[in-house]
Structure formats: C-alpha cells, structure tokens
N, C-alpha and C. Protein backbone atom coordinates (compact mmCIF):
# COMPACT_ATOMS: atom_id res chain seq x y z
N MET A 1 -20.50 7.00 43.84
CA MET A 1 -19.14 6.92 44.35
C MET A 1 -19.07 5.83 45.39
N GLY A 2 -17.98 5.09 45.35
CA GLY A 2 -17.78 4.02 46.34
C GLY A 2 -16.92 4.51 47.49
N LYS A 3 -16.87 3.69 48.48
CA LYS A 3 -16.03 4.01 49.64
C LYS A 3 -14.58 3.74 49.29
N PRO A 4 -13.64 4.39 49.96
CA PRO A 4 -12.24 4.07 49.71
C PRO A 4 -11.95 2.61 50.01
N GLY A 5 -11.24 1.96 49.13
CA GLY A 5 -10.92 0.55 49.30
C GLY A 5 -11.82 -0.35 48.48
N GLU A 6 -12.99 0.13 48.06
CA GLU A 6 -13.89 -0.65 47.21
C GLU A 6 -13.51 -0.41 45.74
N PRO A 7 -13.61 -1.45 44.92
CA PRO A 7 -13.34 -1.22 43.50
C PRO A 7 -14.42 -0.34 42.89
N SER A 8 -14.01 0.54 41.97
CA SER A 8 -14.98 1.44 41.34
C SER A 8 -15.79 0.66 40.31
N PRO A 9 -17.07 0.98 40.17
CA PRO A 9 -17.89 0.27 39.17
C PRO A 9 -17.45 0.67 37.76
N ARG A 10 -17.43 -0.31 36.86
CA ARG A 10 -16.98 -0.05 35.49
C ARG A 10 -18.02 -0.51 34.48
N GLY A 11 -19.26 -0.37 34.75
CA GLY A 11 -20.29 -0.74 33.79
C GLY A 11 -20.39 -2.25 33.67
N ASN A 12 -20.51 -2.73 32.45
CA ASN A 12 -20.67 -4.16 32.19
C ASN A 12 -19.34 -4.83 31.86
N GLU A 13 -18.25 -4.21 32.21
CA GLU A 13 -16.93 -4.74 31.86
C GLU A 13 -16.67 -6.01 32.67
N LYS A 14 -16.29 -7.09 31.98
CA LYS A 14 -16.00 -8.36 32.64
C LYS A 14 -14.53 -8.39 33.03
N GLU A 15 -14.22 -9.19 34.01
CA GLU A 15 -12.81 -9.36 34.36
C GLU A 15 -12.17 -10.25 33.33
N LYS A 16 -11.02 -9.87 32.86
CA LYS A 16 -10.32 -10.62 31.83
C LYS A 16 -9.59 -11.79 32.46
N LYS A 17 -9.83 -12.97 31.93
CA LYS A 17 -9.14 -14.16 32.43
C LYS A 17 -7.77 -14.25 31.78
N LYS A 18 -6.86 -14.92 32.46
CA LYS A 18 -5.51 -15.07 31.92
C LYS A 18 -5.56 -15.93 30.67
N GLY A 19 -4.93 -15.47 29.61
CA GLY A 19 -4.89 -16.22 28.36
C GLY A 19 -6.04 -15.88 27.42
N GLU A 20 -6.98 -15.06 27.85
CA GLU A 20 -8.11 -14.69 27.00
C GLU A 20 -7.63 -13.69 25.95
N VAL A 21 -8.09 -13.85 24.71
CA VAL A 21 -7.65 -12.99 23.61
C VAL A 21 -8.80 -12.08 23.21
N ASN A 22 -8.51 -10.80 23.08
CA ASN A 22 -9.50 -9.84 22.61
C ASN A 22 -9.48 -9.86 21.09
N PRO A 23 -10.59 -10.25 20.43
CA PRO A 23 -10.57 -10.35 18.96
C PRO A 23 -10.47 -9.00 18.26
N LEU A 24 -10.71 -7.91 18.98
CA LEU A 24 -10.63 -6.59 18.35
C LEU A 24 -9.22 -6.06 18.27
N LEU A 25 -8.30 -6.62 19.05
CA LEU A 25 -6.92 -6.16 19.03
C LEU A 25 -6.13 -6.95 18.00
N PRO A 26 -5.09 -6.34 17.41
CA PRO A 26 -4.27 -7.09 16.45
C PRO A 26 -3.51 -8.21 17.16
N ALA A 27 -3.26 -9.26 16.43
CA ALA A 27 -2.54 -10.39 17.00
C ALA A 27 -1.10 -9.99 17.32
N PRO A 28 -0.56 -10.50 18.41
CA PRO A 28 0.83 -10.17 18.72
C PRO A 28 1.76 -10.80 17.69
N PRO A 29 2.93 -10.21 17.46
CA PRO A 29 3.85 -10.79 16.48
C PRO A 29 4.32 -12.16 16.93
N SER A 30 4.55 -13.01 15.96
CA SER A 30 4.98 -14.37 16.30
C SER A 30 6.39 -14.32 16.87
N ARG A 31 6.67 -15.24 17.72
CA ARG A 31 7.98 -15.27 18.37
C ARG A 31 9.01 -16.06 17.56
N ASP A 32 8.54 -16.72 16.50
CA ASP A 32 9.47 -17.49 15.68
C ASP A 32 10.23 -16.53 14.78
N PRO A 33 11.56 -16.56 14.81
CA PRO A 33 12.31 -15.69 13.91
C PRO A 33 12.18 -16.17 12.47
N ALA A 34 12.34 -15.25 11.55
CA ALA A 34 12.27 -15.61 10.14
C ALA A 34 13.43 -16.54 9.81
N PRO A 35 13.18 -17.51 8.93
CA PRO A 35 14.27 -18.41 8.58
C PRO A 35 15.38 -17.64 7.85
N PRO A 36 16.61 -18.01 8.07
CA PRO A 36 17.70 -17.29 7.40
C PRO A 36 17.62 -17.51 5.89
N ARG A 37 17.88 -16.45 5.15
CA ARG A 37 17.83 -16.53 3.69
C ARG A 37 19.25 -16.55 3.14
N ARG A 38 19.37 -17.32 2.09
CA ARG A 38 20.67 -17.34 1.42
C ARG A 38 20.77 -16.14 0.51
N GLU A 39 21.97 -15.74 0.20
CA GLU A 39 22.22 -14.55 -0.61
C GLU A 39 21.65 -14.72 -2.02
N ASP A 40 21.69 -15.94 -2.58
CA ASP A 40 21.21 -16.13 -3.95
C ASP A 40 19.67 -16.03 -4.03
N GLU A 41 18.97 -16.24 -2.92
CA GLU A 41 17.53 -16.07 -2.93
C GLU A 41 17.15 -14.60 -3.04
N LEU A 42 17.97 -13.73 -2.46
CA LEU A 42 17.67 -12.31 -2.44
C LEU A 42 18.16 -11.58 -3.68
N SER A 43 19.08 -12.15 -4.40
CA SER A 43 19.68 -11.43 -5.52
C SER A 43 18.63 -11.18 -6.60
N GLY A 44 18.61 -9.95 -7.08
CA GLY A 44 17.70 -9.60 -8.16
C GLY A 44 16.28 -9.30 -7.73
N LYS A 45 15.98 -9.36 -6.45
CA LYS A 45 14.60 -9.13 -6.02
C LYS A 45 14.40 -7.77 -5.39
N CYS A 46 15.47 -7.07 -5.06
CA CYS A 46 15.34 -5.75 -4.44
C CYS A 46 15.50 -4.68 -5.52
N ILE A 47 14.63 -3.70 -5.46
CA ILE A 47 14.72 -2.58 -6.40
C ILE A 47 15.20 -1.38 -5.61
N SER A 48 16.30 -0.83 -6.00
CA SER A 48 16.85 0.30 -5.27
C SER A 48 16.03 1.56 -5.55
N HIS A 49 16.23 2.56 -4.72
CA HIS A 49 15.51 3.82 -4.88
C HIS A 49 15.83 4.48 -6.22
N ALA A 50 17.08 4.40 -6.63
CA ALA A 50 17.48 4.99 -7.92
C ALA A 50 16.75 4.30 -9.07
N ASN A 51 16.62 2.98 -8.98
CA ASN A 51 15.91 2.27 -10.04
C ASN A 51 14.44 2.64 -10.07
N LEU A 52 13.85 2.85 -8.89
CA LEU A 52 12.45 3.27 -8.84
C LEU A 52 12.27 4.64 -9.48
N GLU A 53 13.20 5.55 -9.22
CA GLU A 53 13.12 6.87 -9.84
C GLU A 53 13.25 6.76 -11.36
N TYR A 54 14.16 5.90 -11.82
CA TYR A 54 14.35 5.71 -13.26
C TYR A 54 13.07 5.16 -13.89
N LEU A 55 12.45 4.15 -13.22
CA LEU A 55 11.22 3.57 -13.75
C LEU A 55 10.08 4.59 -13.74
N ARG A 56 10.02 5.42 -12.71
CA ARG A 56 8.98 6.44 -12.64
C ARG A 56 9.14 7.44 -13.79
N ASP A 57 10.38 7.87 -14.05
CA ASP A 57 10.62 8.80 -15.16
C ASP A 57 10.28 8.15 -16.50
N ALA A 58 10.62 6.87 -16.65
CA ALA A 58 10.33 6.17 -17.89
C ALA A 58 8.82 6.07 -18.10
N MET A 59 8.08 5.80 -17.03
CA MET A 59 6.63 5.71 -17.16
C MET A 59 6.01 7.07 -17.49
N ARG A 60 6.57 8.13 -16.95
CA ARG A 60 6.08 9.47 -17.30
C ARG A 60 6.29 9.74 -18.78
N THR A 61 7.46 9.36 -19.27
CA THR A 61 7.77 9.57 -20.69
C THR A 61 6.81 8.78 -21.57
N VAL A 62 6.57 7.53 -21.21
CA VAL A 62 5.65 6.68 -21.98
C VAL A 62 4.26 7.29 -21.97
N THR A 63 3.84 7.80 -20.82
CA THR A 63 2.52 8.42 -20.72
C THR A 63 2.42 9.65 -21.60
N ARG A 64 3.47 10.46 -21.61
CA ARG A 64 3.47 11.67 -22.44
C ARG A 64 3.40 11.30 -23.93
N ILE A 65 4.20 10.35 -24.33
CA ILE A 65 4.21 9.93 -25.74
C ILE A 65 2.84 9.38 -26.13
N SER A 66 2.25 8.59 -25.25
CA SER A 66 0.93 8.02 -25.51
C SER A 66 -0.12 9.12 -25.65
N ALA A 67 -0.04 10.14 -24.79
CA ALA A 67 -0.99 11.25 -24.88
C ALA A 67 -0.82 12.02 -26.18
N ILE A 68 0.42 12.22 -26.62
CA ILE A 68 0.68 12.94 -27.87
C ILE A 68 0.13 12.15 -29.06
N ILE A 69 0.36 10.84 -29.06
CA ILE A 69 -0.14 10.00 -30.16
C ILE A 69 -1.67 10.02 -30.19
N SER A 70 -2.30 9.92 -29.02
CA SER A 70 -3.76 9.98 -28.95
C SER A 70 -4.27 11.30 -29.48
N PHE A 71 -3.60 12.38 -29.10
CA PHE A 71 -4.00 13.72 -29.56
C PHE A 71 -3.91 13.81 -31.07
N ILE A 72 -2.82 13.30 -31.65
CA ILE A 72 -2.63 13.37 -33.11
C ILE A 72 -3.73 12.60 -33.82
N PHE A 73 -4.03 11.38 -33.34
CA PHE A 73 -5.06 10.58 -34.01
C PHE A 73 -6.47 11.12 -33.76
N THR A 74 -6.64 11.93 -32.73
CA THR A 74 -7.95 12.56 -32.51
C THR A 74 -8.10 13.78 -33.41
N ILE A 75 -7.05 14.55 -33.58
CA ILE A 75 -7.11 15.79 -34.36
C ILE A 75 -7.06 15.50 -35.87
N PHE A 76 -6.36 14.45 -36.29
CA PHE A 76 -6.18 14.17 -37.73
C PHE A 76 -7.50 14.07 -38.49
N PRO A 77 -8.50 13.31 -38.02
CA PRO A 77 -9.76 13.25 -38.79
C PRO A 77 -10.48 14.60 -38.84
N ILE A 78 -10.39 15.38 -37.78
CA ILE A 78 -11.06 16.69 -37.76
C ILE A 78 -10.42 17.62 -38.80
N VAL A 79 -9.09 17.63 -38.84
CA VAL A 79 -8.38 18.49 -39.79
C VAL A 79 -8.67 18.04 -41.21
N SER A 80 -8.69 16.75 -41.46
CA SER A 80 -8.95 16.27 -42.83
C SER A 80 -10.37 16.61 -43.27
N LYS A 81 -11.34 16.58 -42.34
CA LYS A 81 -12.71 16.97 -42.70
C LYS A 81 -12.78 18.47 -43.01
N LEU A 82 -12.06 19.27 -42.24
CA LEU A 82 -12.06 20.72 -42.50
C LEU A 82 -11.42 21.04 -43.85
N GLN A 83 -10.37 20.31 -44.21
CA GLN A 83 -9.71 20.57 -45.49
C GLN A 83 -10.58 20.12 -46.65
N ALA A 84 -11.36 19.07 -46.46
CA ALA A 84 -12.21 18.57 -47.55
C ALA A 84 -13.37 19.52 -47.84
N SER A 85 -13.82 20.24 -46.85
CA SER A 85 -14.99 21.10 -47.09
C SER A 85 -14.62 22.48 -47.60
C-alpha cells in the first residue's frame, strides 16, 4: 500500500502517450460520412421482409419436393427387386 497522494502501483502497465493506438481495440469509426446515394442506385437491391419470408417458404417447398423425389428413386429399385423374386 502506498501513502495517500502517491500513485498506486499497477504492475507493468505503461503510461499511454497521446495518440497511441491499442491494436487490441477495434478501430474507431471513420469520421467521413458515407457519400450520398442516388435513388436509382438503391432500386432493386433491397429485399423486404415479406420477400424473404416468401423465398424461405419457396426453398422449404423445393427441399420437400427434392426429398420426396430422392425417396421415390431410392425405394423404386428395392420394390422392383422384391417383385422380381
């Protein structure tokens, strides 16, 4: 313990100089604002939540149909072998 008024010991911690960057911390955000975008640049590039739900449902349907087709082509040779014997 130190006397009152003395700085407390902090191990091997160095004093940070002004302007020194800690490489372990994330970089601060840039101060330059994003350039303004024209409306025609943005058109057609945003997918709304409703469209995402529609695409998700469509992909589920495609997956189900694919699984059914795989099942049919897996079972068909087995059934034909059973019928032949």
